[in-house]
Amino acid sequence: MKILGLIVEYNPFHNGHLYHLHQSIKKTTPDLIIAIMSGDFLQRGEPALVNKWSRTKMALRAGVDLVVELPYLYAVQKADIFAEGAVSRLAQLGVTDICFGSEEGDISPFFNTLNWMNKHQSLIDERLKKELSKGKSYPKAFSDAVIGLQPSDTILDLSKPNNILGYHYVKSSFNQQTSIRMHTIKRSGSEYNDRYLSHASIASATALRHMLITDKRPLDFLKPYVPSYSLEQLSAYFSHYNRFHTWDDYFPFIKHALISQDNDTLNQIYECEEGLENRLKKAIITSAGFDDFISNIKAKRYTRTRLQRLLVHLYLKTNKLFVKEHLEEQPPYIRVLGMSDKGQHHLSKLKKLTTLPIITTASKSQHPVFQKDILASRLHGIPNHHTGMSFMDEYQTGPLRYHANSDAFK
């Protein structure tokens, strides 16, 4: 049985994602499709525009058979840890093929780069230290360290964000000694971080969020760029909660945490290093809003993405000890968010073949990492509590079941 694995966020699901899905199916001809999806806070340290249940519905209606949640412990992380968590989960789910989007579009340079990196690791580490000492961010320092060694033309361009993620997927699969076949699809249309619309039907998720949040365009403006079922989910969410989530919704909580806690406590928060707590406490006093705050603390060494991840960890009170204790172990569970009829059948078979608990009822697991996932969902939903949303919603919502023949959820 060929099972295609996808590593996704779908924030929101748009035509570029649909193109990637269709091309991945064409390349791998799978019998089943499994997506591992970040929960309510994402890899770049941002709150998801809508909650994970709405994004799961988008994925299932697009043709994904099984959607599982990437634990927060891996989801809000730099590329190598994010990839390690996602690939290991897909391997545990029986995935035979992974297909990811990249700027490169050819899988060979990913393997060439992995082999080259393994041969030159000590030199790369040495040059990396020098680049970091110049005050560069880690991604920039790493890219410059590799370029400085003048690799051949067959090596991957690691200045591109999706190439970086893809490289770490390939590396994680190699390090974990999986038998998963790796594939890549060249990204079509806008670049990952493009804020403006530049393609007839495919725009980046960044551009779509910018259109909704910054430009305050009505949802109908998204019609050319997202499938109808994505627009339906976005419309339903906004109609019910009267919002799409942004950092502005959580800024008062960040301000309270930074003002009320002392430096020693803040220094224990995961990713708070090099006296960064002093910089945060100083900037929060004079910052008028979230973007102003980020501008005041950003530096060459501290990218917006790194700072946003730190602020998620601050919001969830995730300390270094918690991450150290649980990151090395593979969290012993798989959380199911949604499934088609085919996905449900695969899940039934999987339960007989694995000793790993498969969580379909949230109240049945008290694992500390899973409890962080629950906390992340509850804290993401705090701005929605004026609508009557309950803290128990996360426990009361079971896996979504989608019946493709009737295009209906159970």
Protein backbone atom coordinates (compact mmCIF):
# COMPACT_ATOMS: atom_id res chain seq x y z
CA MET A 1 0.00 0.00 0.00
CA LYS A 2 1.43 3.38 -1.02
CA ILE A 3 0.74 6.12 1.52
CA LEU A 4 1.57 9.73 0.73
CA GLY A 5 2.59 11.95 3.64
CA LEU A 6 2.28 15.75 3.60
CA ILE A 7 3.67 18.20 6.17
CA VAL A 8 1.32 21.19 6.28
CA GLU A 9 -0.07 24.21 8.08
CA TYR A 10 -2.80 25.32 5.63
CA ASN A 11 -3.05 28.84 7.03
CA PRO A 12 -5.33 28.96 5.07
CA PHE A 13 -5.59 26.20 2.44
CA HIS A 14 -5.25 27.94 -0.94
CA ASN A 15 -4.81 27.13 -4.63
CA GLY A 16 -1.05 26.69 -4.21
CA HIS A 17 -1.69 23.97 -1.64
CA LEU A 18 -4.23 22.35 -3.96
CA TYR A 19 -1.68 22.41 -6.80
CA HIS A 20 0.91 20.80 -4.51
CA LEU A 21 -1.59 18.13 -3.44
CA HIS A 22 -2.57 17.26 -7.02
CA GLN A 23 1.04 17.19 -8.23
CA SER A 24 2.05 15.03 -5.28
CA ILE A 25 -0.71 12.55 -6.14
CA LYS A 26 0.40 12.55 -9.77
CA LYS A 27 4.04 11.91 -8.77
CA THR A 28 3.41 9.18 -6.18
CA THR A 29 0.03 7.60 -7.18
CA PRO A 30 -0.90 6.85 -3.55
CA ASP A 31 -3.65 4.65 -2.15
CA LEU A 32 -4.03 6.95 0.87
CA ILE A 33 -3.02 10.50 1.84
CA ILE A 34 -2.02 11.52 5.38
CA ALA A 35 -1.30 15.11 6.40
CA ILE A 36 0.47 16.06 9.59
CA MET A 37 -0.66 19.57 10.45
CA SER A 38 0.52 22.13 12.98
CA GLY A 39 -2.07 22.97 15.62
CA ASP A 40 -3.14 26.46 16.58
CA PHE A 41 0.34 28.04 16.72
CA LEU A 42 2.64 27.68 13.75
CA GLN A 43 6.29 27.13 12.86
CA ARG A 44 7.06 30.82 12.32
CA GLY A 45 5.67 31.68 15.74
CA GLU A 46 2.25 32.91 14.62
CA PRO A 47 -1.27 32.14 15.79
CA ALA A 48 -3.19 30.30 13.08
CA LEU A 49 -5.72 32.49 11.26
CA VAL A 50 -8.50 30.04 12.17
CA ASN A 51 -8.41 27.07 14.51
CA LYS A 52 -7.12 23.61 13.60
CA TRP A 53 -10.62 22.16 13.20
CA SER A 54 -11.51 24.60 10.43
CA ARG A 55 -8.22 23.91 8.67
CA THR A 56 -8.78 20.16 9.05
CA LYS A 57 -12.11 20.53 7.23
CA MET A 58 -10.32 22.32 4.38
CA ALA A 59 -7.77 19.49 4.12
CA LEU A 60 -10.37 16.70 4.14
CA ARG A 61 -12.52 18.35 1.50
CA ALA A 62 -9.40 18.83 -0.66
CA GLY A 63 -8.83 15.06 -0.67
CA VAL A 64 -6.64 14.28 2.35
CA ASP A 65 -7.73 11.03 4.03
CA LEU A 66 -6.27 11.43 7.51
CA VAL A 67 -5.20 14.59 9.36
CA VAL A 68 -3.10 14.28 12.53
CA GLU A 69 -1.76 17.05 14.72
CA LEU A 70 1.94 17.86 14.95
CA PRO A 71 2.49 18.44 18.68
CA TYR A 72 3.16 22.04 19.72
CA LEU A 73 6.53 20.85 21.07
CA TYR A 74 7.63 20.31 17.43
CA ALA A 75 5.34 22.72 15.59
CA VAL A 76 6.69 25.98 17.06
CA GLN A 77 10.35 25.24 16.43
CA LYS A 78 13.23 25.94 14.10
CA ALA A 79 13.35 23.90 10.90
CA ASP A 80 15.40 20.91 12.06
CA ILE A 81 13.23 20.12 15.11
CA PHE A 82 10.01 20.82 13.18
CA ALA A 83 11.13 18.36 10.49
CA GLU A 84 12.24 15.72 12.98
CA GLY A 85 8.84 15.68 14.68
CA ALA A 86 6.86 15.66 11.43
CA VAL A 87 8.87 12.95 9.66
CA SER A 88 8.93 10.65 12.70
CA ARG A 89 5.13 10.96 13.05
CA LEU A 90 4.55 10.15 9.38
CA ALA A 91 6.85 7.13 9.64
CA GLN A 92 4.84 5.87 12.61
CA LEU A 93 1.67 6.23 10.54
CA GLY A 94 3.01 3.92 7.82
CA VAL A 95 3.79 6.58 5.23
CA THR A 96 5.81 5.29 2.27
CA ASP A 97 6.32 8.59 0.40
CA ILE A 98 6.69 12.24 1.45
CA CYS A 99 6.30 15.02 -1.09
CA PHE A 100 7.09 18.63 -0.15
CA GLY A 101 7.13 21.93 -2.01
CA SER A 102 10.43 23.68 -2.67
CA GLU A 103 11.97 26.45 -4.69
CA GLU A 104 14.34 23.84 -6.19
CA GLY A 105 11.75 21.42 -7.55
CA ASP A 106 14.25 18.54 -8.04
CA ILE A 107 15.00 16.03 -5.28
CA SER A 108 18.60 15.25 -6.38
CA PRO A 109 20.19 18.45 -4.94
CA PHE A 110 18.65 17.64 -1.56
CA PHE A 111 20.49 14.31 -1.42
CA ASN A 112 23.65 15.86 -2.90
CA THR A 113 23.56 18.51 -0.18
CA LEU A 114 23.01 15.94 2.57
CA ASN A 115 26.01 13.91 1.40
CA TRP A 116 28.16 17.02 1.03
CA MET A 117 27.15 18.28 4.48
CA ASN A 118 28.01 14.95 6.09
CA LYS A 119 31.49 15.04 4.54
CA HIS A 120 32.20 18.66 5.55
CA GLN A 121 30.38 18.89 8.90
CA SER A 122 33.41 19.95 10.97
CA LEU A 123 34.31 22.73 8.51
CA ILE A 124 30.69 23.91 8.36
CA ASP A 125 30.51 24.03 12.17
CA GLU A 126 33.71 26.07 12.30
CA ARG A 127 32.54 28.58 9.72
CA LEU A 128 29.10 28.72 11.30
CA LYS A 129 30.60 29.88 14.61
CA LYS A 130 32.44 32.67 12.79
CA GLU A 131 29.30 33.81 10.97
CA LEU A 132 27.26 33.76 14.19
CA SER A 133 29.92 35.84 15.95
CA LYS A 134 29.19 38.60 13.39
CA GLY A 135 25.71 38.96 14.86
CA LYS A 136 23.88 37.15 12.06
CA SER A 137 20.73 35.13 12.60
CA TYR A 138 21.18 31.35 12.54
CA PRO A 139 19.56 30.80 9.08
CA LYS A 140 21.67 33.58 7.52
CA ALA A 141 24.86 32.41 9.26
CA PHE A 142 24.27 28.81 8.18
CA SER A 143 23.61 29.77 4.56
CA ASP A 144 26.72 32.01 4.45
CA ALA A 145 28.85 29.30 6.08
CA VAL A 146 27.90 26.82 3.36
CA ILE A 147 28.36 29.34 0.54
CA GLY A 148 31.76 30.26 2.01
CA LEU A 149 32.98 26.71 1.43
CA GLN A 150 32.16 27.12 -2.28
CA PRO A 151 30.20 23.91 -2.85
CA SER A 152 29.52 22.69 -6.38
CA ASP A 153 26.53 23.78 -8.45
CA THR A 154 24.71 20.57 -7.52
CA ILE A 155 24.27 21.81 -3.94
CA LEU A 156 20.94 23.23 -2.84
CA ASP A 157 20.33 26.97 -2.40
CA LEU A 158 19.81 27.11 1.37
CA SER A 159 18.85 30.77 1.40
CA LYS A 160 15.32 29.79 0.28
CA PRO A 161 12.82 28.98 3.08
CA ASN A 162 11.15 25.94 1.51
CA ASN A 163 14.49 24.52 0.38
CA ILE A 164 15.66 24.78 4.00
CA LEU A 165 12.61 22.93 5.32
CA GLY A 166 12.87 20.31 2.58
CA TYR A 167 16.54 19.71 3.33
CA HIS A 168 15.66 19.03 6.95
CA TYR A 169 12.88 16.63 5.93
CA VAL A 170 15.39 14.66 3.87
CA LYS A 171 18.00 14.82 6.64
CA SER A 172 15.48 13.71 9.30
CA SER A 173 14.39 10.74 7.19
CA PHE A 174 18.04 9.75 6.71
CA ASN A 175 18.95 10.18 10.39
CA GLN A 176 15.90 8.19 11.52
CA GLN A 177 16.74 5.46 9.00
CA THR A 178 13.23 5.40 7.59
CA SER A 179 12.40 3.70 4.31
CA ILE A 180 10.29 6.67 3.20
CA ARG A 181 10.82 7.79 -0.39
CA MET A 182 11.28 11.58 -0.64
CA HIS A 183 9.90 13.74 -3.46
CA THR A 184 9.58 17.45 -4.13
CA ILE A 185 7.35 19.70 -6.23
CA LYS A 186 8.50 23.09 -7.45
CA ARG A 187 6.47 25.88 -5.89
CA SER A 188 4.21 27.62 -8.36
CA GLY A 189 3.17 31.28 -8.28
CA SER A 190 4.10 33.63 -5.45
CA GLU A 191 7.11 33.21 -3.19
CA TYR A 192 6.55 31.94 0.37
CA ASN A 193 6.88 35.39 1.99
CA ASP A 194 5.34 37.51 -0.77
CA ARG A 195 2.85 39.98 0.69
CA TYR A 196 1.35 41.03 -2.59
CA LEU A 197 -0.69 39.25 -5.24
CA SER A 198 1.35 38.59 -8.36
CA HIS A 199 -0.18 35.47 -9.95
CA ALA A 200 -3.50 34.86 -11.64
CA SER A 201 -4.71 32.17 -9.23
CA ILE A 202 -1.90 31.22 -6.82
CA ALA A 203 -0.89 33.58 -4.04
CA SER A 204 1.15 32.90 -0.91
CA ALA A 205 -0.65 32.37 2.38
CA THR A 206 1.27 35.45 3.60
CA ALA A 207 -0.31 37.56 0.85
CA LEU A 208 -3.79 36.24 1.60
CA ARG A 209 -3.44 36.95 5.32
CA HIS A 210 -2.08 40.41 4.50
CA MET A 211 -5.12 41.05 2.30
CA LEU A 212 -7.53 40.07 5.08
CA ILE A 213 -5.80 41.53 8.12
CA THR A 214 -3.77 44.53 6.99
CA ASP A 215 -5.70 45.67 3.93
CA LYS A 216 -9.02 44.64 5.54
CA ARG A 217 -10.40 43.37 2.23
CA PRO A 218 -13.72 41.52 2.29
CA LEU A 219 -13.51 37.74 2.02
CA ASP A 220 -14.82 37.77 -1.54
CA PHE A 221 -11.42 39.13 -2.64
CA LEU A 222 -10.00 35.67 -1.86
CA LYS A 223 -12.23 33.90 -4.40
CA PRO A 224 -9.62 33.70 -7.19
CA TYR A 225 -6.98 32.32 -4.83
CA VAL A 226 -8.68 29.69 -2.62
CA PRO A 227 -10.98 26.72 -3.29
CA SER A 228 -14.66 27.28 -2.53
CA TYR A 229 -14.58 25.03 0.55
CA SER A 230 -11.74 27.09 2.06
CA LEU A 231 -13.72 30.25 1.52
CA GLU A 232 -16.73 28.58 3.14
CA GLN A 233 -14.71 27.67 6.24
CA LEU A 234 -13.17 31.13 6.50
CA SER A 235 -16.60 32.75 6.12
CA ALA A 236 -18.18 30.47 8.71
CA TYR A 237 -15.36 31.10 11.19
CA PHE A 238 -15.51 34.86 10.79
CA SER A 239 -19.29 34.86 10.98
CA HIS A 240 -19.21 32.91 14.25
CA TYR A 241 -16.22 34.52 15.99
CA ASN A 242 -16.03 37.90 14.21
CA ARG A 243 -12.25 37.61 13.85
CA PHE A 244 -9.25 36.02 12.23
CA HIS A 245 -6.49 35.53 14.77
CA THR A 246 -3.41 37.75 14.75
CA TRP A 247 -0.74 38.63 17.29
CA ASP A 248 -2.68 41.80 18.14
CA ASP A 249 -5.26 39.57 19.88
CA TYR A 250 -2.61 38.27 22.27
CA PHE A 251 -0.43 41.35 22.77
CA PRO A 252 -2.10 42.35 26.09
CA PHE A 253 -1.26 38.90 27.50
CA ILE A 254 2.36 39.22 26.36
CA LYS A 255 2.56 42.68 27.92
CA HIS A 256 1.18 41.37 31.21
CA ALA A 257 3.65 38.45 31.26
CA LEU A 258 6.67 40.65 30.57
CA ILE A 259 5.74 43.37 33.05
CA SER A 260 4.67 41.06 35.88
CA GLN A 261 7.51 38.51 35.77
CA ASP A 262 11.08 39.07 36.92
CA ASN A 263 14.14 38.54 34.76
CA ASP A 264 15.09 35.20 36.32
CA THR A 265 11.65 33.76 35.56
CA LEU A 266 11.70 35.09 31.98
CA ASN A 267 15.19 33.69 31.42
CA GLN A 268 13.82 30.18 32.02
CA ILE A 269 11.40 30.48 29.07
CA TYR A 270 12.42 28.31 26.14
CA GLU A 271 14.44 30.23 23.50
CA CYS A 272 15.08 33.17 25.84
CA GLU A 273 18.88 33.40 25.58
CA GLU A 274 21.75 35.88 25.84
CA GLY A 275 19.94 38.27 28.16
CA LEU A 276 17.07 38.67 25.73
CA GLU A 277 14.69 39.10 28.67
CA ASN A 278 16.23 42.53 29.33
CA ARG A 279 15.58 43.61 25.75
CA LEU A 280 11.97 42.39 25.96
CA LYS A 281 11.19 44.11 29.26
CA LYS A 282 12.68 47.39 28.09
CA ALA A 283 10.81 47.43 24.78
CA ILE A 284 7.40 46.42 26.15
CA ILE A 285 7.09 49.62 28.20
CA THR A 286 7.20 51.93 25.19
CA SER A 287 5.62 49.75 22.48
CA ALA A 288 2.16 50.77 21.27
CA GLY A 289 1.24 47.44 19.69
CA PHE A 290 2.62 44.10 18.60
CA ASP A 291 4.27 45.21 15.35
CA ASP A 292 5.81 48.17 17.15
CA PHE A 293 7.10 45.81 19.84
CA ILE A 294 8.66 43.45 17.29
CA SER A 295 10.32 46.39 15.51
CA ASN A 296 11.80 47.54 18.81
CA ILE A 297 13.36 44.18 19.67
CA LYS A 298 14.34 42.90 16.22
CA ALA A 299 18.03 42.76 15.33
CA LYS A 300 20.32 40.91 12.93
CA ARG A 301 20.72 38.14 15.49
CA TYR A 302 17.04 38.11 16.48
CA THR A 303 14.78 37.59 13.47
CA ARG A 304 11.06 38.22 13.65
CA THR A 305 10.42 34.49 13.36
CA ARG A 306 12.68 33.60 16.28
CA LEU A 307 11.18 36.33 18.45
CA GLN A 308 7.61 35.27 17.62
CA ARG A 309 8.41 31.68 18.58
CA LEU A 310 9.83 32.91 21.87
CA LEU A 311 6.64 34.87 22.53
CA VAL A 312 4.49 31.79 21.88
CA HIS A 313 6.56 29.92 24.46
CA LEU A 314 6.15 32.84 26.85
CA TYR A 315 2.38 32.86 26.30
CA LEU A 316 2.19 29.12 26.99
CA LYS A 317 4.71 29.34 29.88
CA THR A 318 6.95 26.74 28.26
CA ASN A 319 10.29 26.62 30.05
CA LYS A 320 13.61 25.17 29.00
CA LEU A 321 13.41 22.27 31.42
CA PHE A 322 10.07 21.11 29.99
CA VAL A 323 11.47 21.08 26.44
CA LYS A 324 14.70 19.36 27.52
CA GLU A 325 12.78 16.63 29.34
CA HIS A 326 10.35 15.85 26.53
CA LEU A 327 11.99 16.73 23.21
CA GLU A 328 14.43 13.83 23.16
CA GLU A 329 11.67 11.27 23.71
CA GLN A 330 9.18 10.84 20.93
CA PRO A 331 5.91 11.95 22.60
CA PRO A 332 4.06 8.63 22.89
CA TYR A 333 0.79 9.41 21.12
CA ILE A 334 -0.79 10.39 17.81
CA ARG A 335 -3.65 12.92 17.92
CA VAL A 336 -6.22 12.44 15.16
CA LEU A 337 -8.00 15.58 13.95
CA GLY A 338 -10.03 14.24 11.05
CA MET A 339 -10.48 11.39 8.58
CA SER A 340 -12.29 10.27 5.47
CA ASP A 341 -13.83 6.81 5.22
CA LYS A 342 -10.52 5.52 3.81
CA GLY A 343 -8.61 7.26 6.57
CA GLN A 344 -10.83 5.68 9.22
CA HIS A 345 -10.22 2.23 7.72
CA HIS A 346 -6.43 2.78 7.79
CA LEU A 347 -6.63 4.00 11.37
CA SER A 348 -8.48 0.84 12.40
CA LYS A 349 -5.71 -1.30 10.88
CA LEU A 350 -3.00 0.88 12.43
CA LYS A 351 -4.42 0.43 15.92
CA LYS A 352 -3.82 -3.32 15.60
CA LEU A 353 -0.22 -2.89 14.41
CA THR A 354 1.18 -0.26 16.79
CA THR A 355 1.53 0.04 20.55
CA LEU A 356 1.51 3.83 20.21
CA PRO A 357 -1.69 5.33 21.67
CA ILE A 358 -3.85 6.93 19.00
CA ILE A 359 -5.83 9.72 20.63
CA THR A 360 -9.36 10.25 19.36
CA THR A 361 -10.75 11.34 22.72
CA ALA A 362 -8.72 14.12 24.32
CA SER A 363 -9.76 13.36 27.90
CA LYS A 364 -8.07 9.94 27.75
CA SER A 365 -4.48 11.25 27.71
CA GLN A 366 -2.69 13.11 30.48
CA HIS A 367 0.74 13.11 28.86
CA PRO A 368 2.46 16.47 29.60
CA VAL A 369 3.22 17.16 25.93
CA PHE A 370 -0.38 16.46 24.96
CA GLN A 371 -1.58 18.73 27.75
CA LYS A 372 0.52 21.49 26.17
CA ASP A 373 -1.35 20.88 22.91
CA ILE A 374 -4.62 21.30 24.79
CA LEU A 375 -3.32 24.47 26.46
CA ALA A 376 -2.22 25.89 23.10
CA SER A 377 -5.72 25.39 21.68
CA ARG A 378 -7.39 26.93 24.71
CA LEU A 379 -5.11 29.96 24.73
CA HIS A 380 -5.51 30.40 20.97
CA GLY A 381 -9.27 30.52 21.57
CA ILE A 382 -9.26 33.10 24.39
CA PRO A 383 -10.21 35.99 22.05
CA ASN A 384 -13.31 33.97 21.07
CA HIS A 385 -14.75 33.60 24.56
CA HIS A 386 -17.22 36.44 24.03
CA THR A 387 -19.04 34.02 21.68
CA GLY A 388 -19.62 31.51 24.46
CA MET A 389 -16.68 29.29 23.53
CA SER A 390 -15.83 26.97 26.43
CA PHE A 391 -12.47 25.79 27.71
CA MET A 392 -13.99 22.31 27.42
CA ASP A 393 -14.41 22.60 23.64
CA GLU A 394 -11.05 20.96 23.03
CA TYR A 395 -12.16 17.91 25.02
CA GLN A 396 -15.63 17.80 23.51
CA THR A 397 -14.49 17.95 19.88
CA GLY A 398 -13.69 14.50 18.52
CA PRO A 399 -12.04 13.67 15.17
CA LEU A 400 -13.98 15.04 12.23
CA ARG A 401 -15.38 12.36 9.93
CA TYR A 402 -15.80 13.34 6.30
CA HIS A 403 -17.87 11.38 3.80
CA ALA A 404 -16.73 12.35 0.33
CA ASN A 405 -19.73 10.81 -1.47
CA SER A 406 -22.16 13.11 0.33
CA ASP A 407 -19.61 15.92 0.92
CA ALA A 408 -20.69 15.97 4.56
CA PHE A 409 -19.10 15.85 8.01
CA LYS A 410 -20.34 13.63 10.79
